[in-house]
Amino acid sequence: LDVTGPAAVFGAANEATDRPAYDLRI
């Protein structure tokens, strides 16, 4: 959850914006 919890938040931010705000990488 230390990885997937924050990842879910940043992924949701990408989905909610017109273009991806974050280049998210594990």
mmCIF file of all heavy atoms, coordinates in Angstrom:
data_MODEL
# 
_entry.id   MODEL 
# 
loop_
_atom_site.group_PDB 
_atom_site.id 
_atom_site.type_symbol 
_atom_site.label_atom_id 
_atom_site.label_alt_id 
_atom_site.label_comp_id 
_atom_site.label_asym_id 
_atom_site.label_entity_id 
_atom_site.label_seq_id 
_atom_site.pdbx_PDB_ins_code 
_atom_site.Cartn_x 
_atom_site.Cartn_y 
_atom_site.Cartn_z 
_atom_site.occupancy 
_atom_site.B_iso_or_equiv 
_atom_site.pdbx_formal_charge 
_atom_site.auth_seq_id 
_atom_site.auth_comp_id 
_atom_site.auth_asym_id 
_atom_site.auth_atom_id 
_atom_site.pdbx_PDB_model_num 
ATOM 1   N N   . LEU A 1 1  ? 0.807  -1.217 0.000   1.00 0.00 ? 1  LEU A N   1 
ATOM 2   C CA  . LEU A 1 1  ? 0.000  0.000  0.000   1.00 0.00 ? 1  LEU A CA  1 
ATOM 3   C C   . LEU A 1 1  ? 0.843  1.271  0.000   1.00 0.00 ? 1  LEU A C   1 
ATOM 4   O O   . LEU A 1 1  ? 0.357  2.330  -0.390  1.00 0.00 ? 1  LEU A O   1 
ATOM 5   C CB  . LEU A 1 1  ? -0.952 0.011  1.194   1.00 0.00 ? 1  LEU A CB  1 
ATOM 6   C CG  . LEU A 1 1  ? -2.240 -0.791 1.016   1.00 0.00 ? 1  LEU A CG  1 
ATOM 7   C CD1 . LEU A 1 1  ? -3.054 -0.779 2.306   1.00 0.00 ? 1  LEU A CD1 1 
ATOM 8   C CD2 . LEU A 1 1  ? -3.081 -0.224 -0.127  1.00 0.00 ? 1  LEU A CD2 1 
ATOM 9   N N   . ASP A 1 2  ? 2.093  1.174  0.442   1.00 0.00 ? 2  ASP A N   1 
ATOM 10  C CA  . ASP A 1 2  ? 2.972  2.342  0.381   1.00 0.00 ? 2  ASP A CA  1 
ATOM 11  C C   . ASP A 1 2  ? 3.256  2.739  -1.066  1.00 0.00 ? 2  ASP A C   1 
ATOM 12  O O   . ASP A 1 2  ? 3.585  3.898  -1.348  1.00 0.00 ? 2  ASP A O   1 
ATOM 13  C CB  . ASP A 1 2  ? 4.304  2.052  1.079   1.00 0.00 ? 2  ASP A CB  1 
ATOM 14  C CG  . ASP A 1 2  ? 4.172  2.014  2.590   1.00 0.00 ? 2  ASP A CG  1 
ATOM 15  O OD1 . ASP A 1 2  ? 3.060  2.239  3.101   1.00 0.00 ? 2  ASP A OD1 1 
ATOM 16  O OD2 . ASP A 1 2  ? 5.176  1.736  3.265   1.00 0.00 ? 2  ASP A OD2 1 
ATOM 17  N N   . VAL A 1 3  ? 3.147  1.780  -1.972  1.00 0.00 ? 3  VAL A N   1 
ATOM 18  C CA  . VAL A 1 3  ? 3.339  2.047  -3.398  1.00 0.00 ? 3  VAL A CA  1 
ATOM 19  C C   . VAL A 1 3  ? 2.004  2.300  -4.073  1.00 0.00 ? 3  VAL A C   1 
ATOM 20  O O   . VAL A 1 3  ? 1.806  3.321  -4.745  1.00 0.00 ? 3  VAL A O   1 
ATOM 21  C CB  . VAL A 1 3  ? 4.060  0.872  -4.091  1.00 0.00 ? 3  VAL A CB  1 
ATOM 22  C CG1 . VAL A 1 3  ? 4.249  1.165  -5.579  1.00 0.00 ? 3  VAL A CG1 1 
ATOM 23  C CG2 . VAL A 1 3  ? 5.401  0.590  -3.430  1.00 0.00 ? 3  VAL A CG2 1 
ATOM 24  N N   . THR A 1 4  ? 1.064  1.378  -3.897  1.00 0.00 ? 4  THR A N   1 
ATOM 25  C CA  . THR A 1 4  ? -0.184 1.447  -4.664  1.00 0.00 ? 4  THR A CA  1 
ATOM 26  C C   . THR A 1 4  ? -1.121 2.540  -4.164  1.00 0.00 ? 4  THR A C   1 
ATOM 27  O O   . THR A 1 4  ? -1.919 3.077  -4.947  1.00 0.00 ? 4  THR A O   1 
ATOM 28  C CB  . THR A 1 4  ? -0.906 0.098  -4.644  1.00 0.00 ? 4  THR A CB  1 
ATOM 29  O OG1 . THR A 1 4  ? -1.160 -0.292 -3.279  1.00 0.00 ? 4  THR A OG1 1 
ATOM 30  C CG2 . THR A 1 4  ? -0.062 -0.974 -5.325  1.00 0.00 ? 4  THR A CG2 1 
ATOM 31  N N   . GLY A 1 5  ? -1.057 2.887  -2.860  1.00 0.00 ? 5  GLY A N   1 
ATOM 32  C CA  . GLY A 1 5  ? -1.909 3.969  -2.354  1.00 0.00 ? 5  GLY A CA  1 
ATOM 33  C C   . GLY A 1 5  ? -1.590 5.296  -3.030  1.00 0.00 ? 5  GLY A C   1 
ATOM 34  O O   . GLY A 1 5  ? -2.462 5.892  -3.677  1.00 0.00 ? 5  GLY A O   1 
ATOM 35  N N   . PRO A 1 6  ? -0.340 5.794  -2.914  1.00 0.00 ? 6  PRO A N   1 
ATOM 36  C CA  . PRO A 1 6  ? 0.009  7.019  -3.633  1.00 0.00 ? 6  PRO A CA  1 
ATOM 37  C C   . PRO A 1 6  ? -0.152 6.889  -5.143  1.00 0.00 ? 6  PRO A C   1 
ATOM 38  O O   . PRO A 1 6  ? -0.607 7.832  -5.804  1.00 0.00 ? 6  PRO A O   1 
ATOM 39  C CB  . PRO A 1 6  ? 1.474  7.239  -3.250  1.00 0.00 ? 6  PRO A CB  1 
ATOM 40  C CG  . PRO A 1 6  ? 1.609  6.589  -1.915  1.00 0.00 ? 6  PRO A CG  1 
ATOM 41  C CD  . PRO A 1 6  ? 0.735  5.378  -1.987  1.00 0.00 ? 6  PRO A CD  1 
ATOM 42  N N   . ALA A 1 7  ? 0.200  5.722  -5.713  1.00 0.00 ? 7  ALA A N   1 
ATOM 43  C CA  . ALA A 1 7  ? 0.066  5.550  -7.162  1.00 0.00 ? 7  ALA A CA  1 
ATOM 44  C C   . ALA A 1 7  ? -1.378 5.740  -7.603  1.00 0.00 ? 7  ALA A C   1 
ATOM 45  O O   . ALA A 1 7  ? -1.649 6.342  -8.654  1.00 0.00 ? 7  ALA A O   1 
ATOM 46  C CB  . ALA A 1 7  ? 0.568  4.165  -7.574  1.00 0.00 ? 7  ALA A CB  1 
ATOM 47  N N   . ALA A 1 8  ? -2.327 5.234  -6.807  1.00 0.00 ? 8  ALA A N   1 
ATOM 48  C CA  . ALA A 1 8  ? -3.742 5.390  -7.149  1.00 0.00 ? 8  ALA A CA  1 
ATOM 49  C C   . ALA A 1 8  ? -4.158 6.855  -7.142  1.00 0.00 ? 8  ALA A C   1 
ATOM 50  O O   . ALA A 1 8  ? -4.948 7.295  -7.990  1.00 0.00 ? 8  ALA A O   1 
ATOM 51  C CB  . ALA A 1 8  ? -4.601 4.579  -6.180  1.00 0.00 ? 8  ALA A CB  1 
ATOM 52  N N   . VAL A 1 9  ? -3.626 7.625  -6.201  1.00 0.00 ? 9  VAL A N   1 
ATOM 53  C CA  . VAL A 1 9  ? -3.950 9.058  -6.139  1.00 0.00 ? 9  VAL A CA  1 
ATOM 54  C C   . VAL A 1 9  ? -3.421 9.781  -7.369  1.00 0.00 ? 9  VAL A C   1 
ATOM 55  O O   . VAL A 1 9  ? -4.147 10.537 -8.030  1.00 0.00 ? 9  VAL A O   1 
ATOM 56  C CB  . VAL A 1 9  ? -3.368 9.689  -4.855  1.00 0.00 ? 9  VAL A CB  1 
ATOM 57  C CG1 . VAL A 1 9  ? -3.512 11.212 -4.889  1.00 0.00 ? 9  VAL A CG1 1 
ATOM 58  C CG2 . VAL A 1 9  ? -4.068 9.119  -3.619  1.00 0.00 ? 9  VAL A CG2 1 
ATOM 59  N N   . PHE A 1 10 ? -2.155 9.542  -7.711  1.00 0.00 ? 10 PHE A N   1 
ATOM 60  C CA  . PHE A 1 10 ? -1.579 10.234 -8.863  1.00 0.00 ? 10 PHE A CA  1 
ATOM 61  C C   . PHE A 1 10 ? -2.218 9.746  -10.169 1.00 0.00 ? 10 PHE A C   1 
ATOM 62  O O   . PHE A 1 10 ? -2.400 10.533 -11.105 1.00 0.00 ? 10 PHE A O   1 
ATOM 63  C CB  . PHE A 1 10 ? -0.062 10.035 -8.881  1.00 0.00 ? 10 PHE A CB  1 
ATOM 64  C CG  . PHE A 1 10 ? 0.628  10.583 -7.664  1.00 0.00 ? 10 PHE A CG  1 
ATOM 65  C CD1 . PHE A 1 10 ? 1.421  9.775  -6.867  1.00 0.00 ? 10 PHE A CD1 1 
ATOM 66  C CD2 . PHE A 1 10 ? 0.474  11.912 -7.297  1.00 0.00 ? 10 PHE A CD2 1 
ATOM 67  C CE1 . PHE A 1 10 ? 2.049  10.262 -5.734  1.00 0.00 ? 10 PHE A CE1 1 
ATOM 68  C CE2 . PHE A 1 10 ? 1.092  12.417 -6.158  1.00 0.00 ? 10 PHE A CE2 1 
ATOM 69  C CZ  . PHE A 1 10 ? 1.875  11.588 -5.381  1.00 0.00 ? 10 PHE A CZ  1 
ATOM 70  N N   . GLY A 1 11 ? -2.565 8.467  -10.217 1.00 0.00 ? 11 GLY A N   1 
ATOM 71  C CA  . GLY A 1 11 ? -3.266 7.966  -11.396 1.00 0.00 ? 11 GLY A CA  1 
ATOM 72  C C   . GLY A 1 11 ? -4.632 8.602  -11.545 1.00 0.00 ? 11 GLY A C   1 
ATOM 73  O O   . GLY A 1 11 ? -5.060 8.930  -12.662 1.00 0.00 ? 11 GLY A O   1 
ATOM 74  N N   . ALA A 1 12 ? -5.342 8.797  -10.425 1.00 0.00 ? 12 ALA A N   1 
ATOM 75  C CA  . ALA A 1 12 ? -6.643 9.463  -10.477 1.00 0.00 ? 12 ALA A CA  1 
ATOM 76  C C   . ALA A 1 12 ? -6.502 10.912 -10.940 1.00 0.00 ? 12 ALA A C   1 
ATOM 77  O O   . ALA A 1 12 ? -7.370 11.429 -11.657 1.00 0.00 ? 12 ALA A O   1 
ATOM 78  C CB  . ALA A 1 12 ? -7.305 9.405  -9.101  1.00 0.00 ? 12 ALA A CB  1 
ATOM 79  N N   . ALA A 1 13 ? -5.410 11.562 -10.545 1.00 0.00 ? 13 ALA A N   1 
ATOM 80  C CA  . ALA A 1 13 ? -5.168 12.933 -11.006 1.00 0.00 ? 13 ALA A CA  1 
ATOM 81  C C   . ALA A 1 13 ? -4.990 12.952 -12.522 1.00 0.00 ? 13 ALA A C   1 
ATOM 82  O O   . ALA A 1 13 ? -5.497 13.849 -13.209 1.00 0.00 ? 13 ALA A O   1 
ATOM 83  C CB  . ALA A 1 13 ? -3.938 13.520 -10.312 1.00 0.00 ? 13 ALA A CB  1 
ATOM 84  N N   . ASN A 1 14 ? -4.274 11.967 -13.066 1.00 0.00 ? 14 ASN A N   1 
ATOM 85  C CA  . ASN A 1 14 ? -4.106 11.883 -14.517 1.00 0.00 ? 14 ASN A CA  1 
ATOM 86  C C   . ASN A 1 14 ? -5.444 11.693 -15.222 1.00 0.00 ? 14 ASN A C   1 
ATOM 87  O O   . ASN A 1 14 ? -5.709 12.286 -16.278 1.00 0.00 ? 14 ASN A O   1 
ATOM 88  C CB  . ASN A 1 14 ? -3.162 10.737 -14.879 1.00 0.00 ? 14 ASN A CB  1 
ATOM 89  C CG  . ASN A 1 14 ? -1.704 11.083 -14.662 1.00 0.00 ? 14 ASN A CG  1 
ATOM 90  O OD1 . ASN A 1 14 ? -1.339 12.254 -14.550 1.00 0.00 ? 14 ASN A OD1 1 
ATOM 91  N ND2 . ASN A 1 14 ? -0.854 10.070 -14.596 1.00 0.00 ? 14 ASN A ND2 1 
ATOM 92  N N   . GLU A 1 15 ? -6.306 10.854 -14.639 1.00 0.00 ? 15 GLU A N   1 
ATOM 93  C CA  . GLU A 1 15 ? -7.602 10.592 -15.255 1.00 0.00 ? 15 GLU A CA  1 
ATOM 94  C C   . GLU A 1 15 ? -8.519 11.808 -15.208 1.00 0.00 ? 15 GLU A C   1 
ATOM 95  O O   . GLU A 1 15 ? -9.399 11.963 -16.060 1.00 0.00 ? 15 GLU A O   1 
ATOM 96  C CB  . GLU A 1 15 ? -8.277 9.415  -14.556 1.00 0.00 ? 15 GLU A CB  1 
ATOM 97  C CG  . GLU A 1 15 ? -7.585 8.078  -14.789 1.00 0.00 ? 15 GLU A CG  1 
ATOM 98  C CD  . GLU A 1 15 ? -8.262 6.941  -14.048 1.00 0.00 ? 15 GLU A CD  1 
ATOM 99  O OE1 . GLU A 1 15 ? -9.186 7.220  -13.242 1.00 0.00 ? 15 GLU A OE1 1 
ATOM 100 O OE2 . GLU A 1 15 ? -7.884 5.778  -14.273 1.00 0.00 ? 15 GLU A OE2 1 
ATOM 101 N N   . ALA A 1 16 ? -8.313 12.657 -14.228 1.00 0.00 ? 16 ALA A N   1 
ATOM 102 C CA  . ALA A 1 16 ? -9.208 13.798 -14.040 1.00 0.00 ? 16 ALA A CA  1 
ATOM 103 C C   . ALA A 1 16 ? -8.781 15.043 -14.806 1.00 0.00 ? 16 ALA A C   1 
ATOM 104 O O   . ALA A 1 16 ? -9.514 16.032 -14.837 1.00 0.00 ? 16 ALA A O   1 
ATOM 105 C CB  . ALA A 1 16 ? -9.299 14.131 -12.553 1.00 0.00 ? 16 ALA A CB  1 
ATOM 106 N N   . THR A 1 17 ? -7.608 15.017 -15.417 1.00 0.00 ? 17 THR A N   1 
ATOM 107 C CA  . THR A 1 17 ? -7.106 16.182 -16.145 1.00 0.00 ? 17 THR A CA  1 
ATOM 108 C C   . THR A 1 17 ? -7.156 15.929 -17.647 1.00 0.00 ? 17 THR A C   1 
ATOM 109 O O   . THR A 1 17 ? -7.231 14.790 -18.100 1.00 0.00 ? 17 THR A O   1 
ATOM 110 C CB  . THR A 1 17 ? -5.667 16.510 -15.711 1.00 0.00 ? 17 THR A CB  1 
ATOM 111 O OG1 . THR A 1 17 ? -4.863 15.323 -15.779 1.00 0.00 ? 17 THR A OG1 1 
ATOM 112 C CG2 . THR A 1 17 ? -5.637 17.026 -14.278 1.00 0.00 ? 17 THR A CG2 1 
ATOM 113 N N   . ASP A 1 18 ? -7.125 17.006 -18.417 1.00 0.00 ? 18 ASP A N   1 
ATOM 114 C CA  . ASP A 1 18 ? -7.221 16.895 -19.876 1.00 0.00 ? 18 ASP A CA  1 
ATOM 115 C C   . ASP A 1 18 ? -6.061 16.104 -20.453 1.00 0.00 ? 18 ASP A C   1 
ATOM 116 O O   . ASP A 1 18 ? -6.205 15.391 -21.442 1.00 0.00 ? 18 ASP A O   1 
ATOM 117 C CB  . ASP A 1 18 ? -7.258 18.294 -20.502 1.00 0.00 ? 18 ASP A CB  1 
ATOM 118 C CG  . ASP A 1 18 ? -8.536 19.048 -20.135 1.00 0.00 ? 18 ASP A CG  1 
ATOM 119 O OD1 . ASP A 1 18 ? -9.542 18.376 -19.855 1.00 0.00 ? 18 ASP A OD1 1 
ATOM 120 O OD2 . ASP A 1 18 ? -8.505 20.291 -20.117 1.00 0.00 ? 18 ASP A OD2 1 
ATOM 121 N N   . ARG A 1 19 ? -4.900 16.244 -19.849 1.00 0.00 ? 19 ARG A N   1 
ATOM 122 C CA  . ARG A 1 19 ? -3.734 15.467 -20.276 1.00 0.00 ? 19 ARG A CA  1 
ATOM 123 C C   . ARG A 1 19 ? -3.032 15.001 -19.016 1.00 0.00 ? 19 ARG A C   1 
ATOM 124 O O   . ARG A 1 19 ? -3.184 15.612 -17.941 1.00 0.00 ? 19 ARG A O   1 
ATOM 125 C CB  . ARG A 1 19 ? -2.784 16.314 -21.132 1.00 0.00 ? 19 ARG A CB  1 
ATOM 126 C CG  . ARG A 1 19 ? -2.249 17.535 -20.434 1.00 0.00 ? 19 ARG A CG  1 
ATOM 127 C CD  . ARG A 1 19 ? -1.333 18.367 -21.323 1.00 0.00 ? 19 ARG A CD  1 
ATOM 128 N NE  . ARG A 1 19 ? -0.785 19.501 -20.596 1.00 0.00 ? 19 ARG A NE  1 
ATOM 129 C CZ  . ARG A 1 19 ? 0.218  19.458 -19.738 1.00 0.00 ? 19 ARG A CZ  1 
ATOM 130 N NH1 . ARG A 1 19 ? 0.802  18.313 -19.490 1.00 0.00 ? 19 ARG A NH1 1 
ATOM 131 N NH2 . ARG A 1 19 ? 0.643  20.543 -19.132 1.00 0.00 ? 19 ARG A NH2 1 
ATOM 132 N N   . PRO A 1 20 ? -2.279 13.913 -19.085 1.00 0.00 ? 20 PRO A N   1 
ATOM 133 C CA  . PRO A 1 20 ? -1.626 13.396 -17.875 1.00 0.00 ? 20 PRO A CA  1 
ATOM 134 C C   . PRO A 1 20 ? -0.748 14.444 -17.196 1.00 0.00 ? 20 PRO A C   1 
ATOM 135 O O   . PRO A 1 20 ? 0.100  15.068 -17.838 1.00 0.00 ? 20 PRO A O   1 
ATOM 136 C CB  . PRO A 1 20 ? -0.794 12.229 -18.396 1.00 0.00 ? 20 PRO A CB  1 
ATOM 137 C CG  . PRO A 1 20 ? -1.497 11.791 -19.640 1.00 0.00 ? 20 PRO A CG  1 
ATOM 138 C CD  . PRO A 1 20 ? -2.031 13.058 -20.253 1.00 0.00 ? 20 PRO A CD  1 
ATOM 139 N N   . ALA A 1 21 ? -0.993 14.635 -15.918 1.00 0.00 ? 21 ALA A N   1 
ATOM 140 C CA  . ALA A 1 21 ? -0.175 15.572 -15.146 1.00 0.00 ? 21 ALA A CA  1 
ATOM 141 C C   . ALA A 1 21 ? 1.113  14.918 -14.670 1.00 0.00 ? 21 ALA A C   1 
ATOM 142 O O   . ALA A 1 21 ? 2.115  15.598 -14.449 1.00 0.00 ? 21 ALA A O   1 
ATOM 143 C CB  . ALA A 1 21 ? -0.968 16.088 -13.955 1.00 0.00 ? 21 ALA A CB  1 
ATOM 144 N N   . TYR A 1 22 ? 1.084  13.580 -14.504 1.00 0.00 ? 22 TYR A N   1 
ATOM 145 C CA  . TYR A 1 22 ? 2.223  12.869 -13.939 1.00 0.00 ? 22 TYR A CA  1 
ATOM 146 C C   . TYR A 1 22 ? 2.695  11.763 -14.881 1.00 0.00 ? 22 TYR A C   1 
ATOM 147 O O   . TYR A 1 22 ? 1.886  11.000 -15.426 1.00 0.00 ? 22 TYR A O   1 
ATOM 148 C CB  . TYR A 1 22 ? 1.853  12.235 -12.594 1.00 0.00 ? 22 TYR A CB  1 
ATOM 149 C CG  . TYR A 1 22 ? 1.470  13.238 -11.532 1.00 0.00 ? 22 TYR A CG  1 
ATOM 150 C CD1 . TYR A 1 22 ? 0.141  13.445 -11.184 1.00 0.00 ? 22 TYR A CD1 1 
ATOM 151 C CD2 . TYR A 1 22 ? 2.446  13.996 -10.884 1.00 0.00 ? 22 TYR A CD2 1 
ATOM 152 C CE1 . TYR A 1 22 ? -0.217 14.365 -10.217 1.00 0.00 ? 22 TYR A CE1 1 
ATOM 153 C CE2 . TYR A 1 22 ? 2.105  14.922 -9.912  1.00 0.00 ? 22 TYR A CE2 1 
ATOM 154 C CZ  . TYR A 1 22 ? 0.768  15.108 -9.579  1.00 0.00 ? 22 TYR A CZ  1 
ATOM 155 O OH  . TYR A 1 22 ? 0.429  16.033 -8.623  1.00 0.00 ? 22 TYR A OH  1 
ATOM 156 N N   . ASP A 1 23 ? 4.002  11.692 -15.058 1.00 0.00 ? 23 ASP A N   1 
ATOM 157 C CA  . ASP A 1 23 ? 4.643  10.539 -15.680 1.00 0.00 ? 23 ASP A CA  1 
ATOM 158 C C   . ASP A 1 23 ? 5.014  9.625  -14.522 1.00 0.00 ? 23 ASP A C   1 
ATOM 159 O O   . ASP A 1 23 ? 6.062  9.770  -13.897 1.00 0.00 ? 23 ASP A O   1 
ATOM 160 C CB  . ASP A 1 23 ? 5.881  10.993 -16.457 1.00 0.00 ? 23 ASP A CB  1 
ATOM 161 C CG  . ASP A 1 23 ? 6.685  9.828  -17.021 1.00 0.00 ? 23 ASP A CG  1 
ATOM 162 O OD1 . ASP A 1 23 ? 6.224  8.675  -16.919 1.00 0.00 ? 23 ASP A OD1 1 
ATOM 163 O OD2 . ASP A 1 23 ? 7.777  10.069 -17.555 1.00 0.00 ? 23 ASP A OD2 1 
ATOM 164 N N   . LEU A 1 24 ? 4.126  8.694  -14.203 1.00 0.00 ? 24 LEU A N   1 
ATOM 165 C CA  . LEU A 1 24 ? 4.214  7.905  -12.990 1.00 0.00 ? 24 LEU A CA  1 
ATOM 166 C C   . LEU A 1 24 ? 4.942  6.589  -13.257 1.00 0.00 ? 24 LEU A C   1 
ATOM 167 O O   . LEU A 1 24 ? 4.552  5.831  -14.139 1.00 0.00 ? 24 LEU A O   1 
ATOM 168 C CB  . LEU A 1 24 ? 2.800  7.632  -12.462 1.00 0.00 ? 24 LEU A CB  1 
ATOM 169 C CG  . LEU A 1 24 ? 2.657  6.816  -11.189 1.00 0.00 ? 24 LEU A CG  1 
ATOM 170 C CD1 . LEU A 1 24 ? 3.335  7.520  -10.021 1.00 0.00 ? 24 LEU A CD1 1 
ATOM 171 C CD2 . LEU A 1 24 ? 1.178  6.595  -10.894 1.00 0.00 ? 24 LEU A CD2 1 
ATOM 172 N N   . ARG A 1 25 ? 5.983  6.325  -12.470 1.00 0.00 ? 25 ARG A N   1 
ATOM 173 C CA  . ARG A 1 25 ? 6.764  5.110  -12.661 1.00 0.00 ? 25 ARG A CA  1 
ATOM 174 C C   . ARG A 1 25 ? 7.063  4.454  -11.320 1.00 0.00 ? 25 ARG A C   1 
ATOM 175 O O   . ARG A 1 25 ? 7.410  5.123  -10.350 1.00 0.00 ? 25 ARG A O   1 
ATOM 176 C CB  . ARG A 1 25 ? 8.111  5.412  -13.349 1.00 0.00 ? 25 ARG A CB  1 
ATOM 177 C CG  . ARG A 1 25 ? 7.996  6.187  -14.657 1.00 0.00 ? 25 ARG A CG  1 
ATOM 178 C CD  . ARG A 1 25 ? 9.369  6.459  -15.250 1.00 0.00 ? 25 ARG A CD  1 
ATOM 179 N NE  . ARG A 1 25 ? 9.277  7.335  -16.417 1.00 0.00 ? 25 ARG A NE  1 
ATOM 180 C CZ  . ARG A 1 25 ? 10.313 7.682  -17.172 1.00 0.00 ? 25 ARG A CZ  1 
ATOM 181 N NH1 . ARG A 1 25 ? 11.534 7.211  -16.873 1.00 0.00 ? 25 ARG A NH1 1 
ATOM 182 N NH2 . ARG A 1 25 ? 10.154 8.482  -18.206 1.00 0.00 ? 25 ARG A NH2 1 
ATOM 183 N N   . ILE A 1 26 ? 6.926  3.130  -11.293 1.00 0.00 ? 26 ILE A N   1 
ATOM 184 C CA  . ILE A 1 26 ? 7.421  2.342  -10.168 1.00 0.00 ? 26 ILE A CA  1 
ATOM 185 C C   . ILE A 1 26 ? 8.824  1.887  -10.549 1.00 0.00 ? 26 ILE A C   1 
ATOM 186 O O   . ILE A 1 26 ? 9.018  1.285  -11.611 1.00 0.00 ? 26 ILE A O   1 
ATOM 187 C CB  . ILE A 1 26 ? 6.514  1.132  -9.885  1.00 0.00 ? 26 ILE A CB  1 
ATOM 188 C CG1 . ILE A 1 26 ? 5.113  1.611  -9.484  1.00 0.00 ? 26 ILE A CG1 1 
ATOM 189 C CG2 . ILE A 1 26 ? 7.112  0.258  -8.784  1.00 0.00 ? 26 ILE A CG2 1 
ATOM 190 C CD1 . ILE A 1 26 ? 4.104  0.494  -9.332  1.00 0.00 ? 26 ILE A CD1 1 
# 
